[in-house]
Amino acid sequence: MPIRGRRPLNLSRFLKPVGRPAVNINVCKGCGFCIEFCPVGVLEFSDGVNVWGYQYPVVRRGMEYSCVNCGMCERVCPELAIEVVEEPSIPYEVRWVE
């Protein structure tokens, strides 16, 4: 989504934090809290089920670098089945409307 306003002169100095949600699928009970509370909407339910018959969360296709490593999914998981692994930060890619 384009952002209106003046483009910061030092935008290249800022890096976007990136995380990778890792789900322990055999512990997950499929409550969906991580999906509901993700501020970016990175997670969705998988097509498959775990050994207990629950659908587990996976990263949406095409959103592999969209996780901002906030850790909200970790905090809301009642089964402690999800962990966010920190990845190297990347430069912001922002489109500005002139």
PDB file of N, CA and C in Angstrom:
ATOM      1  N   MET A   1       0.844  -1.168   0.000  1.00  0.00           N
ATOM      2  CA  MET A   1       0.000   0.000   0.000  1.00  0.00           C
ATOM      3  C   MET A   1       0.890   1.232   0.000  1.00  0.00           C
ATOM      4  N   PRO A   2       0.666   2.149  -0.919  1.00  0.00           N
ATOM      5  CA  PRO A   2       1.492   3.360  -0.978  1.00  0.00           C
ATOM      6  C   PRO A   2       1.278   4.234   0.256  1.00  0.00           C
ATOM      7  N   ILE A   3       2.331   4.901   0.675  1.00  0.00           N
ATOM      8  CA  ILE A   3       2.279   5.811   1.808  1.00  0.00           C
ATOM      9  C   ILE A   3       2.402   7.224   1.276  1.00  0.00           C
ATOM     10  N   ARG A   4       1.494   8.080   1.741  1.00  0.00           N
ATOM     11  CA  ARG A   4       1.537   9.478   1.312  1.00  0.00           C
ATOM     12  C   ARG A   4       2.460  10.258   2.241  1.00  0.00           C
ATOM     13  N   GLY A   5       3.104  11.263   1.684  1.00  0.00           N
ATOM     14  CA  GLY A   5       3.974  12.110   2.489  1.00  0.00           C
ATOM     15  C   GLY A   5       5.388  12.136   1.942  1.00  0.00           C
ATOM     16  N   ARG A   6       6.234  12.747   2.708  1.00  0.00           N
ATOM     17  CA  ARG A   6       7.629  12.889   2.312  1.00  0.00           C
ATOM     18  C   ARG A   6       8.382  11.608   2.618  1.00  0.00           C
ATOM     19  N   ARG A   7       9.161  11.162   1.667  1.00  0.00           N
ATOM     20  CA  ARG A   7       9.973   9.956   1.843  1.00  0.00           C
ATOM     21  C   ARG A   7      11.154  10.297   2.739  1.00  0.00           C
ATOM     22  N   PRO A   8      11.369   9.561   3.820  1.00  0.00           N
ATOM     23  CA  PRO A   8      12.508   9.844   4.686  1.00  0.00           C
ATOM     24  C   PRO A   8      13.828   9.726   3.928  1.00  0.00           C
ATOM     25  N   LEU A   9      14.723  10.643   4.175  1.00  0.00           N
ATOM     26  CA  LEU A   9      16.009  10.634   3.483  1.00  0.00           C
ATOM     27  C   LEU A   9      16.889   9.475   3.933  1.00  0.00           C
ATOM     28  N   ASN A  10      16.692   9.026   5.148  1.00  0.00           N
ATOM     29  CA  ASN A  10      17.554   7.981   5.698  1.00  0.00           C
ATOM     30  C   ASN A  10      16.835   6.634   5.787  1.00  0.00           C
ATOM     31  N   LEU A  11      15.879   6.358   4.913  1.00  0.00           N
ATOM     32  CA  LEU A  11      15.111   5.115   4.966  1.00  0.00           C
ATOM     33  C   LEU A  11      16.013   3.886   4.816  1.00  0.00           C
ATOM     34  N   SER A  12      17.089   4.021   4.065  1.00  0.00           N
ATOM     35  CA  SER A  12      17.969   2.875   3.845  1.00  0.00           C
ATOM     36  C   SER A  12      18.702   2.456   5.124  1.00  0.00           C
ATOM     37  N   ARG A  13      18.728   3.317   6.140  1.00  0.00           N
ATOM     38  CA  ARG A  13      19.395   2.972   7.404  1.00  0.00           C
ATOM     39  C   ARG A  13      18.550   2.051   8.271  1.00  0.00           C
ATOM     40  N   PHE A  14      17.248   1.997   8.007  1.00  0.00           N
ATOM     41  CA  PHE A  14      16.348   1.219   8.845  1.00  0.00           C
ATOM     42  C   PHE A  14      16.145  -0.177   8.278  1.00  0.00           C
ATOM     43  N   LEU A  15      16.157  -1.150   9.155  1.00  0.00           N
ATOM     44  CA  LEU A  15      15.966  -2.532   8.751  1.00  0.00           C
ATOM     45  C   LEU A  15      14.681  -3.073   9.369  1.00  0.00           C
ATOM     46  N   LYS A  16      14.004  -3.910   8.617  1.00  0.00           N
ATOM     47  CA  LYS A  16      12.768  -4.535   9.078  1.00  0.00           C
ATOM     48  C   LYS A  16      13.123  -5.845   9.775  1.00  0.00           C
ATOM     49  N   PRO A  17      12.674  -6.028  11.033  1.00  0.00           N
ATOM     50  CA  PRO A  17      12.933  -7.307  11.687  1.00  0.00           C
ATOM     51  C   PRO A  17      12.134  -8.419  11.008  1.00  0.00           C
ATOM     52  N   VAL A  18      12.730  -9.572  10.891  1.00  0.00           N
ATOM     53  CA  VAL A  18      12.078 -10.706  10.222  1.00  0.00           C
ATOM     54  C   VAL A  18      12.142 -11.915  11.140  1.00  0.00           C
ATOM     55  N   GLY A  19      11.038 -12.629  11.226  1.00  0.00           N
ATOM     56  CA  GLY A  19      10.994 -13.854  12.009  1.00  0.00           C
ATOM     57  C   GLY A  19      10.420 -14.989  11.172  1.00  0.00           C
ATOM     58  N   ARG A  20      10.594 -16.187  11.660  1.00  0.00           N
ATOM     59  CA  ARG A  20      10.033 -17.365  10.992  1.00  0.00           C
ATOM     60  C   ARG A  20       9.313 -18.197  12.045  1.00  0.00           C
ATOM     61  N   PRO A  21       7.968 -18.205  12.001  1.00  0.00           N
ATOM     62  CA  PRO A  21       7.229 -19.012  12.974  1.00  0.00           C
ATOM     63  C   PRO A  21       7.489 -20.500  12.757  1.00  0.00           C
ATOM     64  N   ALA A  22       7.862 -21.182  13.838  1.00  0.00           N
ATOM     65  CA  ALA A  22       8.099 -22.624  13.793  1.00  0.00           C
ATOM     66  C   ALA A  22       7.071 -23.292  14.703  1.00  0.00           C
ATOM     67  N   VAL A  23       6.250 -24.160  14.133  1.00  0.00           N
ATOM     68  CA  VAL A  23       5.170 -24.805  14.871  1.00  0.00           C
ATOM     69  C   VAL A  23       5.525 -26.258  15.137  1.00  0.00           C
ATOM     70  N   ASN A  24       5.378 -26.671  16.383  1.00  0.00           N
ATOM     71  CA  ASN A  24       5.507 -28.081  16.735  1.00  0.00           C
ATOM     72  C   ASN A  24       4.142 -28.706  16.468  1.00  0.00           C
ATOM     73  N   ILE A  25       3.985 -29.314  15.307  1.00  0.00           N
ATOM     74  CA  ILE A  25       2.655 -29.742  14.855  1.00  0.00           C
ATOM     75  C   ILE A  25       2.066 -30.852  15.725  1.00  0.00           C
ATOM     76  N   ASN A  26       2.893 -31.622  16.403  1.00  0.00           N
ATOM     77  CA  ASN A  26       2.363 -32.697  17.238  1.00  0.00           C
ATOM     78  C   ASN A  26       1.852 -32.209  18.588  1.00  0.00           C
ATOM     79  N   VAL A  27       2.171 -30.974  18.964  1.00  0.00           N
ATOM     80  CA  VAL A  27       1.690 -30.392  20.215  1.00  0.00           C
ATOM     81  C   VAL A  27       0.484 -29.488  19.962  1.00  0.00           C
ATOM     82  N   CYS A  28       0.379 -28.931  18.772  1.00  0.00           N
ATOM     83  CA  CYS A  28      -0.675 -27.971  18.427  1.00  0.00           C
ATOM     84  C   CYS A  28      -2.059 -28.620  18.526  1.00  0.00           C
ATOM     85  N   LYS A  29      -3.003 -27.883  19.143  1.00  0.00           N
ATOM     86  CA  LYS A  29      -4.380 -28.356  19.281  1.00  0.00           C
ATOM     87  C   LYS A  29      -5.338 -27.650  18.321  1.00  0.00           C
ATOM     88  N   GLY A  30      -4.812 -26.795  17.440  1.00  0.00           N
ATOM     89  CA  GLY A  30      -5.633 -26.171  16.408  1.00  0.00           C
ATOM     90  C   GLY A  30      -6.600 -25.121  16.914  1.00  0.00           C
ATOM     91  N   CYS A  31      -6.264 -24.425  17.997  1.00  0.00           N
ATOM     92  CA  CYS A  31      -7.181 -23.422  18.551  1.00  0.00           C
ATOM     93  C   CYS A  31      -7.306 -22.194  17.649  1.00  0.00           C
ATOM     94  N   GLY A  32      -6.253 -21.857  16.907  1.00  0.00           N
ATOM     95  CA  GLY A  32      -6.293 -20.735  15.979  1.00  0.00           C
ATOM     96  C   GLY A  32      -5.983 -19.387  16.596  1.00  0.00           C
ATOM     97  N   PHE A  33      -5.582 -19.343  17.874  1.00  0.00           N
ATOM     98  CA  PHE A  33      -5.253 -18.063  18.501  1.00  0.00           C
ATOM     99  C   PHE A  33      -4.102 -17.370  17.782  1.00  0.00           C
ATOM    100  N   CYS A  34      -3.099 -18.131  17.382  1.00  0.00           N
ATOM    101  CA  CYS A  34      -1.936 -17.538  16.702  1.00  0.00           C
ATOM    102  C   CYS A  34      -2.361 -16.896  15.383  1.00  0.00           C
ATOM    103  N   ILE A  35      -3.282 -17.520  14.689  1.00  0.00           N
ATOM    104  CA  ILE A  35      -3.769 -16.990  13.412  1.00  0.00           C
ATOM    105  C   ILE A  35      -4.596 -15.733  13.654  1.00  0.00           C
ATOM    106  N   GLU A  36      -5.439 -15.773  14.670  1.00  0.00           N
ATOM    107  CA  GLU A  36      -6.332 -14.651  14.964  1.00  0.00           C
ATOM    108  C   GLU A  36      -5.582 -13.419  15.443  1.00  0.00           C
ATOM    109  N   PHE A  37      -4.543 -13.610  16.258  1.00  0.00           N
ATOM    110  CA  PHE A  37      -3.860 -12.482  16.875  1.00  0.00           C
ATOM    111  C   PHE A  37      -2.617 -12.012  16.128  1.00  0.00           C
ATOM    112  N   CYS A  38      -2.246 -12.651  15.036  1.00  0.00           N
ATOM    113  CA  CYS A  38      -1.082 -12.202  14.260  1.00  0.00           C
ATOM    114  C   CYS A  38      -1.401 -10.841  13.650  1.00  0.00           C
ATOM    115  N   PRO A  39      -0.622  -9.793  13.988  1.00  0.00           N
ATOM    116  CA  PRO A  39      -0.934  -8.455  13.474  1.00  0.00           C
ATOM    117  C   PRO A  39      -0.717  -8.310  11.970  1.00  0.00           C
ATOM    118  N   VAL A  40       0.069  -9.185  11.375  1.00  0.00           N
ATOM    119  CA  VAL A  40       0.368  -9.091   9.949  1.00  0.00           C
ATOM    120  C   VAL A  40      -0.456 -10.089   9.137  1.00  0.00           C
ATOM    121  N   GLY A  41      -0.993 -11.106   9.775  1.00  0.00           N
ATOM    122  CA  GLY A  41      -1.771 -12.121   9.063  1.00  0.00           C
ATOM    123  C   GLY A  41      -0.913 -13.109   8.309  1.00  0.00           C
ATOM    124  N   VAL A  42       0.207 -13.485   8.902  1.00  0.00           N
ATOM    125  CA  VAL A  42       1.172 -14.371   8.254  1.00  0.00           C
ATOM    126  C   VAL A  42       0.725 -15.829   8.271  1.00  0.00           C
ATOM    127  N   LEU A  43      -0.032 -16.218   9.294  1.00  0.00           N
ATOM    128  CA  LEU A  43      -0.380 -17.628   9.475  1.00  0.00           C
ATOM    129  C   LEU A  43      -1.768 -17.968   8.950  1.00  0.00           C
ATOM    130  N   GLU A  44      -1.930 -19.221   8.561  1.00  0.00           N
ATOM    131  CA  GLU A  44      -3.224 -19.774   8.164  1.00  0.00           C
ATOM    132  C   GLU A  44      -3.237 -21.253   8.534  1.00  0.00           C
ATOM    133  N   PHE A  45      -4.435 -21.856   8.563  1.00  0.00           N
ATOM    134  CA  PHE A  45      -4.518 -23.285   8.855  1.00  0.00           C
ATOM    135  C   PHE A  45      -4.018 -24.096   7.670  1.00  0.00           C
ATOM    136  N   SER A  46      -3.362 -25.200   7.970  1.00  0.00           N
ATOM    137  CA  SER A  46      -2.855 -26.079   6.919  1.00  0.00           C
ATOM    138  C   SER A  46      -3.996 -26.934   6.375  1.00  0.00           C
ATOM    139  N   ASP A  47      -3.740 -27.588   5.263  1.00  0.00           N
ATOM    140  CA  ASP A  47      -4.714 -28.517   4.701  1.00  0.00           C
ATOM    141  C   ASP A  47      -4.651 -29.864   5.409  1.00  0.00           C
ATOM    142  N   GLY A  48      -3.499 -30.176   5.983  1.00  0.00           N
ATOM    143  CA  GLY A  48      -3.321 -31.454   6.653  1.00  0.00           C
ATOM    144  C   GLY A  48      -3.660 -31.377   8.131  1.00  0.00           C
ATOM    145  N   VAL A  49      -3.587 -32.517   8.784  1.00  0.00           N
ATOM    146  CA  VAL A  49      -3.839 -32.594  10.227  1.00  0.00           C
ATOM    147  C   VAL A  49      -2.672 -33.287  10.905  1.00  0.00           C
ATOM    148  N   ASN A  50      -2.527 -33.051  12.218  1.00  0.00           N
ATOM    149  CA  ASN A  50      -1.456 -33.698  12.973  1.00  0.00           C
ATOM    150  C   ASN A  50      -1.925 -35.069  13.467  1.00  0.00           C
ATOM    151  N   VAL A  51      -1.131 -35.700  14.313  1.00  0.00           N
ATOM    152  CA  VAL A  51      -1.455 -37.059  14.771  1.00  0.00           C
ATOM    153  C   VAL A  51      -2.719 -37.111  15.621  1.00  0.00           C
ATOM    154  N   TRP A  52      -3.140 -35.972  16.188  1.00  0.00           N
ATOM    155  CA  TRP A  52      -4.346 -35.914  17.013  1.00  0.00           C
ATOM    156  C   TRP A  52      -5.575 -35.519  16.196  1.00  0.00           C
ATOM    157  N   GLY A  53      -5.383 -35.223  14.913  1.00  0.00           N
ATOM    158  CA  GLY A  53      -6.499 -34.856  14.053  1.00  0.00           C
ATOM    159  C   GLY A  53      -6.808 -33.377  14.003  1.00  0.00           C
ATOM    160  N   TYR A  54      -5.916 -32.528  14.512  1.00  0.00           N
ATOM    161  CA  TYR A  54      -6.120 -31.084  14.500  1.00  0.00           C
ATOM    162  C   TYR A  54      -5.382 -30.453  13.321  1.00  0.00           C
ATOM    163  N   GLN A  55      -6.000 -29.424  12.753  1.00  0.00           N
ATOM    164  CA  GLN A  55      -5.284 -28.630  11.762  1.00  0.00           C
ATOM    165  C   GLN A  55      -4.299 -27.734  12.502  1.00  0.00           C
ATOM    166  N   TYR A  56      -3.133 -27.539  11.951  1.00  0.00           N
ATOM    167  CA  TYR A  56      -2.101 -26.728  12.578  1.00  0.00           C
ATOM    168  C   TYR A  56      -1.790 -25.528  11.681  1.00  0.00           C
ATOM    169  N   PRO A  57      -1.243 -24.447  12.237  1.00  0.00           N
ATOM    170  CA  PRO A  57      -0.939 -23.257  11.438  1.00  0.00           C
ATOM    171  C   PRO A  57       0.330 -23.429  10.607  1.00  0.00           C
ATOM    172  N   VAL A  58       0.324 -22.794   9.458  1.00  0.00           N
ATOM    173  CA  VAL A  58       1.496 -22.717   8.579  1.00  0.00           C
ATOM    174  C   VAL A  58       1.607 -21.283   8.074  1.00  0.00           C
ATOM    175  N   VAL A  59       2.769 -20.922   7.569  1.00  0.00           N
ATOM    176  CA  VAL A  59       2.976 -19.588   6.998  1.00  0.00           C
ATOM    177  C   VAL A  59       2.293 -19.535   5.635  1.00  0.00           C
ATOM    178  N   ARG A  60       1.553 -18.455   5.403  1.00  0.00           N
ATOM    179  CA  ARG A  60       0.878 -18.290   4.112  1.00  0.00           C
ATOM    180  C   ARG A  60       1.898 -18.246   2.972  1.00  0.00           C
ATOM    181  N   ARG A  61       1.508 -18.804   1.852  1.00  0.00           N
ATOM    182  CA  ARG A  61       2.372 -18.798   0.674  1.00  0.00           C
ATOM    183  C   ARG A  61       2.595 -17.353   0.215  1.00  0.00           C
ATOM    184  N   GLY A  62       3.832 -17.002  -0.020  1.00  0.00           N
ATOM    185  CA  GLY A  62       4.187 -15.654  -0.463  1.00  0.00           C
ATOM    186  C   GLY A  62       4.421 -14.674   0.678  1.00  0.00           C
ATOM    187  N   MET A  63       4.230 -15.109   1.926  1.00  0.00           N
ATOM    188  CA  MET A  63       4.421 -14.211   3.073  1.00  0.00           C
ATOM    189  C   MET A  63       5.583 -14.670   3.962  1.00  0.00           C
ATOM    190  N   GLU A  64       6.538 -15.357   3.371  1.00  0.00           N
ATOM    191  CA  GLU A  64       7.644 -15.910   4.143  1.00  0.00           C
ATOM    192  C   GLU A  64       8.481 -14.831   4.840  1.00  0.00           C
ATOM    193  N   TYR A  65       8.568 -13.649   4.252  1.00  0.00           N
ATOM    194  CA  TYR A  65       9.363 -12.575   4.835  1.00  0.00           C
ATOM    195  C   TYR A  65       8.492 -11.475   5.417  1.00  0.00           C
ATOM    196  N   SER A  66       7.224 -11.747   5.669  1.00  0.00           N
ATOM    197  CA  SER A  66       6.317 -10.737   6.203  1.00  0.00           C
ATOM    198  C   SER A  66       6.237 -10.741   7.720  1.00  0.00           C
ATOM    199  N   CYS A  67       6.659 -11.800   8.366  1.00  0.00           N
ATOM    200  CA  CYS A  67       6.633 -11.869   9.827  1.00  0.00           C
ATOM    201  C   CYS A  67       7.594 -10.822  10.391  1.00  0.00           C
ATOM    202  N   VAL A  68       7.089  -9.988  11.315  1.00  0.00           N
ATOM    203  CA  VAL A  68       7.903  -8.914  11.881  1.00  0.00           C
ATOM    204  C   VAL A  68       8.514  -9.285  13.228  1.00  0.00           C
ATOM    205  N   ASN A  69       8.484 -10.570  13.580  1.00  0.00           N
ATOM    206  CA  ASN A  69       9.137 -11.080  14.781  1.00  0.00           C
ATOM    207  C   ASN A  69       8.608 -10.421  16.053  1.00  0.00           C
ATOM    208  N   CYS A  70       7.294 -10.191  16.114  1.00  0.00           N
ATOM    209  CA  CYS A  70       6.706  -9.568  17.304  1.00  0.00           C
ATOM    210  C   CYS A  70       6.514 -10.572  18.433  1.00  0.00           C
ATOM    211  N   GLY A  71       6.382 -11.863  18.110  1.00  0.00           N
ATOM    212  CA  GLY A  71       6.230 -12.895  19.118  1.00  0.00           C
ATOM    213  C   GLY A  71       4.825 -13.045  19.674  1.00  0.00           C
ATOM    214  N   MET A  72       3.840 -12.380  19.059  1.00  0.00           N
ATOM    215  CA  MET A  72       2.473 -12.466  19.556  1.00  0.00           C
ATOM    216  C   MET A  72       1.948 -13.902  19.499  1.00  0.00           C
ATOM    217  N   CYS A  73       2.273 -14.625  18.448  1.00  0.00           N
ATOM    218  CA  CYS A  73       1.809 -16.010  18.329  1.00  0.00           C
ATOM    219  C   CYS A  73       2.358 -16.872  19.465  1.00  0.00           C
ATOM    220  N   GLU A  74       3.589 -16.630  19.855  1.00  0.00           N
ATOM    221  CA  GLU A  74       4.182 -17.369  20.977  1.00  0.00           C
ATOM    222  C   GLU A  74       3.432 -17.087  22.273  1.00  0.00           C
ATOM    223  N   ARG A  75       3.098 -15.817  22.501  1.00  0.00           N
ATOM    224  CA  ARG A  75       2.463 -15.420  23.755  1.00  0.00           C
ATOM    225  C   ARG A  75       1.038 -15.921  23.892  1.00  0.00           C
ATOM    226  N   VAL A  76       0.297 -16.052  22.790  1.00  0.00           N
ATOM    227  CA  VAL A  76      -1.113 -16.437  22.901  1.00  0.00           C
ATOM    228  C   VAL A  76      -1.328 -17.942  22.793  1.00  0.00           C
ATOM    229  N   CYS A  77      -0.322 -18.708  22.446  1.00  0.00           N
ATOM    230  CA  CYS A  77      -0.486 -20.155  22.277  1.00  0.00           C
ATOM    231  C   CYS A  77      -0.611 -20.836  23.645  1.00  0.00           C
ATOM    232  N   PRO A  78      -1.776 -21.432  23.943  1.00  0.00           N
ATOM    233  CA  PRO A  78      -1.937 -22.085  25.246  1.00  0.00           C
ATOM    234  C   PRO A  78      -1.130 -23.378  25.379  1.00  0.00           C
ATOM    235  N   GLU A  79      -0.735 -23.974  24.281  1.00  0.00           N
ATOM    236  CA  GLU A  79       0.021 -25.230  24.308  1.00  0.00           C
ATOM    237  C   GLU A  79       1.525 -25.027  24.145  1.00  0.00           C
ATOM    238  N   LEU A  80       1.956 -23.774  23.972  1.00  0.00           N
ATOM    239  CA  LEU A  80       3.377 -23.442  23.748  1.00  0.00           C
ATOM    240  C   LEU A  80       3.936 -24.227  22.563  1.00  0.00           C
ATOM    241  N   ALA A  81       3.135 -24.315  21.513  1.00  0.00           N
ATOM    242  CA  ALA A  81       3.502 -25.120  20.346  1.00  0.00           C
ATOM    243  C   ALA A  81       4.155 -24.309  19.246  1.00  0.00           C
ATOM    244  N   ILE A  82       4.309 -22.998  19.436  1.00  0.00           N
ATOM    245  CA  ILE A  82       4.864 -22.164  18.370  1.00  0.00           C
ATOM    246  C   ILE A  82       5.998 -21.312  18.929  1.00  0.00           C
ATOM    247  N   GLU A  83       7.015 -21.152  18.104  1.00  0.00           N
ATOM    248  CA  GLU A  83       8.182 -20.348  18.464  1.00  0.00           C
ATOM    249  C   GLU A  83       8.575 -19.542  17.237  1.00  0.00           C
ATOM    250  N   VAL A  84       8.958 -18.295  17.454  1.00  0.00           N
ATOM    251  CA  VAL A  84       9.405 -17.460  16.340  1.00  0.00           C
ATOM    252  C   VAL A  84      10.923 -17.431  16.344  1.00  0.00           C
ATOM    253  N   VAL A  85      11.509 -17.874  15.252  1.00  0.00           N
ATOM    254  CA  VAL A  85      12.965 -17.898  15.093  1.00  0.00           C
ATOM    255  C   VAL A  85      13.378 -16.615  14.388  1.00  0.00           C
ATOM    256  N   GLU A  86      14.309 -15.892  15.003  1.00  0.00           N
ATOM    257  CA  GLU A  86      14.749 -14.618  14.425  1.00  0.00           C
ATOM    258  C   GLU A  86      15.613 -14.866  13.188  1.00  0.00           C
ATOM    259  N   GLU A  87      15.288 -14.149  12.126  1.00  0.00           N
ATOM    260  CA  GLU A  87      16.047 -14.213  10.874  1.00  0.00           C
ATOM    261  C   GLU A  87      16.797 -12.895  10.694  1.00  0.00           C
ATOM    262  N   PRO A  88      17.764 -12.830   9.788  1.00  0.00           N
ATOM    263  CA  PRO A  88      18.454 -11.562   9.536  1.00  0.00           C
ATOM    264  C   PRO A  88      17.484 -10.495   9.028  1.00  0.00           C
ATOM    265  N   SER A  89      17.654  -9.283   9.529  1.00  0.00           N
ATOM    266  CA  SER A  89      16.790  -8.171   9.124  1.00  0.00           C
ATOM    267  C   SER A  89      17.012  -7.814   7.664  1.00  0.00           C
ATOM    268  N   ILE A  90      15.980  -7.243   7.051  1.00  0.00           N
ATOM    269  CA  ILE A  90      16.053  -6.838   5.644  1.00  0.00           C
ATOM    270  C   ILE A  90      15.680  -5.367   5.528  1.00  0.00           C
ATOM    271  N   PRO A  91      16.124  -4.666   4.484  1.00  0.00           N
ATOM    272  CA  PRO A  91      15.757  -3.258   4.310  1.00  0.00           C
ATOM    273  C   PRO A  91      14.263  -3.114   4.025  1.00  0.00           C
ATOM    274  N   TYR A  92      13.708  -2.014   4.490  1.00  0.00           N
ATOM    275  CA  TYR A  92      12.298  -1.728   4.205  1.00  0.00           C
ATOM    276  C   TYR A  92      12.102  -1.492   2.722  1.00  0.00           C
ATOM    277  N   GLU A  93      11.006  -2.012   2.211  1.00  0.00           N
ATOM    278  CA  GLU A  93      10.627  -1.762   0.819  1.00  0.00           C
ATOM    279  C   GLU A  93       9.287  -1.049   0.848  1.00  0.00           C
ATOM    280  N   VAL A  94       9.343   0.264   0.799  1.00  0.00           N
ATOM    281  CA  VAL A  94       8.141   1.077   0.925  1.00  0.00           C
ATOM    282  C   VAL A  94       7.961   1.873  -0.359  1.00  0.00           C
ATOM    283  N   ARG A  95       6.711   1.871  -0.856  1.00  0.00           N
ATOM    284  CA  ARG A  95       6.397   2.685  -2.027  1.00  0.00           C
ATOM    285  C   ARG A  95       5.809   4.002  -1.547  1.00  0.00           C
ATOM    286  N   TRP A  96       6.334   5.076  -2.067  1.00  0.00           N
ATOM    287  CA  TRP A  96       5.878   6.411  -1.651  1.00  0.00           C
ATOM    288  C   TRP A  96       5.153   7.075  -2.805  1.00  0.00           C
ATOM    289  N   VAL A  97       4.060   7.752  -2.492  1.00  0.00           N
ATOM    290  CA  VAL A  97       3.309   8.522  -3.483  1.00  0.00           C
ATOM    291  C   VAL A  97       3.875   9.934  -3.479  1.00  0.00           C
ATOM    292  N   GLU A  98       4.287  10.374  -4.633  1.00  0.00           N
ATOM    293  CA  GLU A  98       4.885  11.721  -4.728  1.00  0.00           C
ATOM    294  C   GLU A  98       3.824  12.773  -4.844  1.00  0.00           C
TER     295      GLU A  98
END
